[in-house]
Amino acid sequence: MSVVLRDMRDFKRFLGRSGAVIEIVRNTFIERQPAATREAYRDKGMLAPRHLHSMTRKAAIFRLEGYPGTVWLYWDKGARGWRFEGDTVTVPLNTGLGPPDAVTYRCRFADGVEPEERAGKTERRRVPTDLFEAAPA
């Protein structure tokens, strides 16, 4: 099973699986910077693969491969302007510093190993509707 993302729900579902990793394929903001600034971003790990650390309702928290600290990816205003295509997600950046920028992430599983699909549905416990049935004997 390969990663196929069509919308925000697919992206969140992917992030919720064990071994989820995103890596920056293209960052137009960093590409427009001078060479020294690009190298400084690279030295800080801003272009390193990101492993999911945890998720909240409005963001994902990633740890950077080989670097201390975490990086957050917010979606608190929804996926407005986000583009999903195959295994990539393009997120618009509103920096206010020149032309509109975007970051393109490629989504994959760590070490190319995809988690196994769950086998069938689990049985749910029947909720008693009769109070006498629910009371202990």
Protein backbone atom coordinates (compact mmCIF):
# COMPACT_ATOMS: atom_id res chain seq x y z
CA MET A 1 0.00 0.00 0.00
CA SER A 2 1.54 3.32 -1.04
CA VAL A 3 0.71 6.70 0.42
CA VAL A 4 -2.08 8.41 -1.53
CA LEU A 5 -3.38 11.72 -0.18
CA ARG A 6 -6.50 13.36 -1.58
CA ASP A 7 -7.49 15.70 1.24
CA MET A 8 -6.79 16.81 4.80
CA ARG A 9 -8.55 13.78 6.25
CA ASP A 10 -6.21 11.42 4.36
CA PHE A 11 -3.21 13.47 5.53
CA LYS A 12 -4.26 13.31 9.19
CA ARG A 13 -4.97 9.58 8.87
CA PHE A 14 -1.47 9.09 7.41
CA LEU A 15 0.09 11.07 10.27
CA GLY A 16 -1.81 8.96 12.80
CA ARG A 17 -0.10 5.75 11.62
CA SER A 18 3.12 4.55 13.21
CA GLY A 19 6.30 5.39 11.32
CA ALA A 20 4.85 8.44 9.51
CA VAL A 21 7.60 10.66 8.08
CA ILE A 22 7.43 13.81 5.98
CA GLU A 23 10.38 15.32 4.17
CA ILE A 24 10.69 18.65 2.41
CA VAL A 25 10.94 18.28 -1.36
CA ARG A 26 10.76 21.99 -2.12
CA ASN A 27 10.63 25.20 -0.06
CA THR A 28 10.38 28.26 -2.30
CA PHE A 29 11.06 30.66 0.60
CA ILE A 30 14.41 29.02 1.39
CA GLU A 31 15.26 28.71 -2.31
CA ARG A 32 15.00 32.51 -2.71
CA GLN A 33 17.51 33.17 0.11
CA PRO A 34 21.26 33.78 -0.37
CA ALA A 35 23.53 30.71 -0.27
CA ALA A 36 24.76 31.46 3.28
CA THR A 37 21.21 31.65 4.61
CA ARG A 38 20.22 28.42 2.84
CA GLU A 39 23.22 26.70 4.42
CA ALA A 40 22.24 28.04 7.87
CA TYR A 41 18.73 26.58 7.44
CA ARG A 42 20.28 23.26 6.44
CA ASP A 43 22.66 23.32 9.46
CA LYS A 44 19.70 23.88 11.83
CA GLY A 45 17.96 20.84 10.38
CA MET A 46 15.09 22.72 8.76
CA LEU A 47 15.34 20.49 5.67
CA ALA A 48 15.81 17.21 7.59
CA PRO A 49 13.15 14.46 7.47
CA ARG A 50 10.48 14.90 10.13
CA HIS A 51 9.15 12.02 12.23
CA LEU A 52 5.79 12.44 13.90
CA HIS A 53 6.17 13.03 17.62
CA SER A 54 2.53 13.76 18.48
CA MET A 55 -0.63 15.35 17.14
CA THR A 56 -3.14 17.81 18.49
CA ARG A 57 -6.47 18.79 17.01
CA LYS A 58 -4.90 21.74 15.18
CA ALA A 59 -1.28 20.71 14.54
CA ALA A 60 1.30 17.96 14.18
CA ILE A 61 4.54 18.02 16.16
CA PHE A 62 7.57 16.52 14.47
CA ARG A 63 11.06 15.69 15.66
CA LEU A 64 13.85 16.35 13.20
CA GLU A 65 16.01 13.39 12.20
CA GLY A 66 19.44 13.90 13.78
CA TYR A 67 18.64 17.23 15.47
CA PRO A 68 17.31 18.20 18.92
CA GLY A 69 13.97 19.94 19.27
CA THR A 70 10.67 19.82 17.45
CA VAL A 71 8.89 21.53 14.56
CA TRP A 72 5.15 22.20 14.39
CA LEU A 73 2.90 22.07 11.33
CA TYR A 74 -0.37 23.93 11.98
CA TRP A 75 -3.67 23.45 10.18
CA ASP A 76 -5.83 25.51 12.54
CA LYS A 77 -7.47 27.34 9.65
CA GLY A 78 -8.11 24.12 7.77
CA ALA A 79 -6.42 23.10 4.57
CA ARG A 80 -7.17 26.36 2.81
CA GLY A 81 -4.89 26.46 -0.22
CA TRP A 82 -3.26 23.11 0.57
CA ARG A 83 -2.78 20.86 -2.46
CA PHE A 84 -2.71 17.07 -2.18
CA GLU A 85 -1.31 14.97 -5.01
CA GLY A 86 -0.25 11.35 -4.62
CA ASP A 87 2.26 11.21 -1.77
CA THR A 88 2.94 14.99 -1.68
CA VAL A 89 1.32 17.87 0.17
CA THR A 90 1.95 21.50 -0.81
CA VAL A 91 1.35 24.03 1.96
CA PRO A 92 1.22 27.76 1.13
CA LEU A 93 3.39 30.09 3.23
CA ASN A 94 2.21 33.59 4.06
CA THR A 95 5.47 35.26 5.04
CA GLY A 96 4.67 38.76 3.85
CA LEU A 97 8.21 38.94 2.47
CA GLY A 98 7.83 39.00 -1.28
CA PRO A 99 5.94 36.67 -3.61
CA PRO A 100 3.78 33.85 -2.25
CA ASP A 101 5.79 30.84 -1.15
CA ALA A 102 5.00 27.19 -0.55
CA VAL A 103 6.53 24.12 1.07
CA THR A 104 6.09 20.74 -0.61
CA TYR A 105 6.36 17.67 1.64
CA ARG A 106 6.69 14.05 0.52
CA CYS A 107 4.94 11.60 2.86
CA ARG A 108 6.36 8.14 3.51
CA PHE A 109 6.78 5.57 6.23
CA ALA A 110 10.07 5.22 8.13
CA ASP A 111 12.55 2.85 6.47
CA GLY A 112 10.03 2.19 3.70
CA VAL A 113 8.15 -0.19 6.00
CA GLU A 114 4.43 0.42 5.96
CA PRO A 115 2.32 -0.58 8.96
CA GLU A 116 0.09 -3.58 8.41
CA GLU A 117 -3.59 -3.11 7.80
CA ARG A 118 -5.92 -4.13 10.61
CA ALA A 119 -7.56 -7.47 9.95
CA GLY A 120 -11.32 -6.92 9.98
CA LYS A 121 -13.42 -5.01 12.45
CA THR A 122 -13.19 -5.59 16.15
CA GLU A 123 -16.24 -6.79 18.02
CA ARG A 124 -17.95 -4.11 20.04
CA ARG A 125 -19.58 -4.91 23.33
CA ARG A 126 -23.35 -4.69 23.16
CA VAL A 127 -24.76 -1.90 25.32
CA PRO A 128 -27.77 -3.16 27.33
CA THR A 129 -30.96 -1.24 26.69
CA ASP A 130 -32.94 -2.79 29.54
CA LEU A 131 -31.98 -1.57 33.03
CA PHE A 132 -32.75 -4.99 34.57
CA GLU A 133 -30.44 -6.63 32.07
CA ALA A 134 -27.64 -4.24 33.02
CA ALA A 135 -27.99 -4.68 36.80
CA PRO A 136 -25.93 -7.42 38.47
CA ALA A 137 -27.90 -10.46 39.67
